[in-house]
Amino acid sequence: MKKYSVALGSVIGGMLITLLTGLYNSTPNGLLGAAWFGWPFTWVRRLVVAPQYSPWAFDVTGFAKDFVVWAVVLAVLIVIIQRLTGRDRASGTKST
């Protein structure tokens, strides 16, 4: 059950963090005419100069990469926290 809790927590948390990074403006300095969103990978772009031509662009590959990065980071953090506390969440007892 412990493996499933790590996987489920990392998938749900990774999705939430990835969606929240869509609010972060990661436009490089000096880039004019567009705004980029997402971190560490850009997965949403908005045209500022000519918005009548498809102003929003969604990059599925960037979103998938962002999700994988955050899911792995969270899985590692969950495992570290579980080992440091020495508790098995499924049974609620101290592991040996």
Protein backbone atom coordinates (compact mmCIF):
# COMPACT_ATOMS: atom_id res chain seq x y z
CA MET A 1 0.00 0.00 0.00
CA LYS A 2 2.95 2.30 0.66
CA LYS A 3 4.02 2.22 -3.00
CA TYR A 4 0.55 3.19 -4.14
CA SER A 5 0.35 6.12 -1.75
CA VAL A 6 3.67 7.48 -3.06
CA ALA A 7 2.55 7.06 -6.67
CA LEU A 8 -0.90 8.54 -6.09
CA GLY A 9 0.47 11.46 -4.09
CA SER A 10 3.12 12.24 -6.67
CA VAL A 11 0.67 12.06 -9.60
CA ILE A 12 -1.97 14.26 -7.96
CA GLY A 13 0.58 16.70 -6.54
CA GLY A 14 2.53 16.79 -9.80
CA MET A 15 -0.62 17.68 -11.73
CA LEU A 16 -1.55 20.42 -9.26
CA ILE A 17 1.92 21.98 -9.28
CA THR A 18 2.11 21.79 -13.06
CA LEU A 19 -1.23 23.57 -13.38
CA LEU A 20 -0.12 26.20 -10.88
CA THR A 21 3.09 26.85 -12.84
CA GLY A 22 0.82 27.80 -15.74
CA LEU A 23 0.21 31.01 -13.80
CA TYR A 24 3.95 31.78 -13.61
CA ASN A 25 5.20 34.14 -16.33
CA SER A 26 8.49 32.63 -17.54
CA THR A 27 9.03 34.90 -20.54
CA PRO A 28 12.75 35.33 -21.28
CA ASN A 29 14.18 38.84 -21.03
CA GLY A 30 14.19 40.63 -24.36
CA LEU A 31 11.37 38.58 -25.90
CA LEU A 32 8.75 40.90 -27.32
CA GLY A 33 5.35 39.98 -28.71
CA ALA A 34 4.60 36.92 -26.60
CA ALA A 35 4.23 35.80 -23.00
CA TRP A 36 5.35 32.34 -21.88
CA PHE A 37 3.90 30.46 -18.92
CA GLY A 38 4.99 27.32 -17.09
CA TRP A 39 8.13 26.34 -15.19
CA PRO A 40 10.65 24.68 -15.67
CA PHE A 41 9.27 24.02 -19.16
CA THR A 42 7.06 26.46 -21.03
CA TRP A 43 3.75 24.92 -21.98
CA VAL A 44 1.46 27.92 -22.58
CA ARG A 45 2.27 30.81 -24.89
CA ARG A 46 0.18 33.92 -25.47
CA LEU A 47 0.69 36.23 -28.42
CA VAL A 48 0.60 39.87 -27.38
CA VAL A 49 1.38 41.63 -30.66
CA ALA A 50 -1.14 39.89 -32.94
CA PRO A 51 -3.75 38.28 -30.66
CA GLN A 52 -6.26 37.86 -33.47
CA TYR A 53 -4.15 34.97 -34.82
CA SER A 54 -4.61 32.21 -32.25
CA PRO A 55 -3.53 34.16 -29.17
CA TRP A 56 -3.10 31.13 -26.88
CA ALA A 57 -0.94 28.12 -27.73
CA PHE A 58 -0.83 24.99 -25.57
CA ASP A 59 2.26 22.77 -25.84
CA VAL A 60 1.38 19.18 -24.85
CA THR A 61 5.02 18.06 -24.84
CA GLY A 62 6.06 20.88 -22.51
CA PHE A 63 3.11 20.12 -20.22
CA ALA A 64 4.05 16.42 -20.09
CA LYS A 65 7.69 17.23 -19.32
CA ASP A 66 6.66 19.68 -16.62
CA PHE A 67 4.32 17.10 -15.09
CA VAL A 68 7.01 14.39 -15.06
CA VAL A 69 9.53 16.73 -13.40
CA TRP A 70 7.12 17.70 -10.62
CA ALA A 71 5.81 14.16 -10.11
CA VAL A 72 9.37 12.82 -9.68
CA VAL A 73 10.30 15.66 -7.32
CA LEU A 74 7.23 14.99 -5.19
CA ALA A 75 7.80 11.21 -5.18
CA VAL A 76 11.34 11.73 -3.90
CA LEU A 77 10.11 14.17 -1.24
CA ILE A 78 7.35 11.81 -0.10
CA VAL A 79 9.78 8.89 0.22
CA ILE A 80 12.29 11.04 2.15
CA ILE A 81 9.61 12.31 4.52
CA GLN A 82 8.29 8.78 5.10
CA ARG A 83 11.78 7.50 5.88
CA LEU A 84 12.64 10.42 8.16
CA THR A 85 9.46 10.06 10.18
CA GLY A 86 9.82 6.26 10.27
CA ARG A 87 6.11 5.78 9.92
CA ASP A 88 4.22 3.48 7.61
CA ARG A 89 1.14 5.44 6.65
CA ALA A 90 -0.89 2.33 5.85
CA SER A 91 -0.57 0.75 9.30
CA GLY A 92 0.16 3.85 11.37
CA THR A 93 2.95 2.06 13.22
CA LYS A 94 6.62 2.76 13.43
CA SER A 95 8.61 0.76 10.87
CA THR A 96 11.80 -1.08 11.82
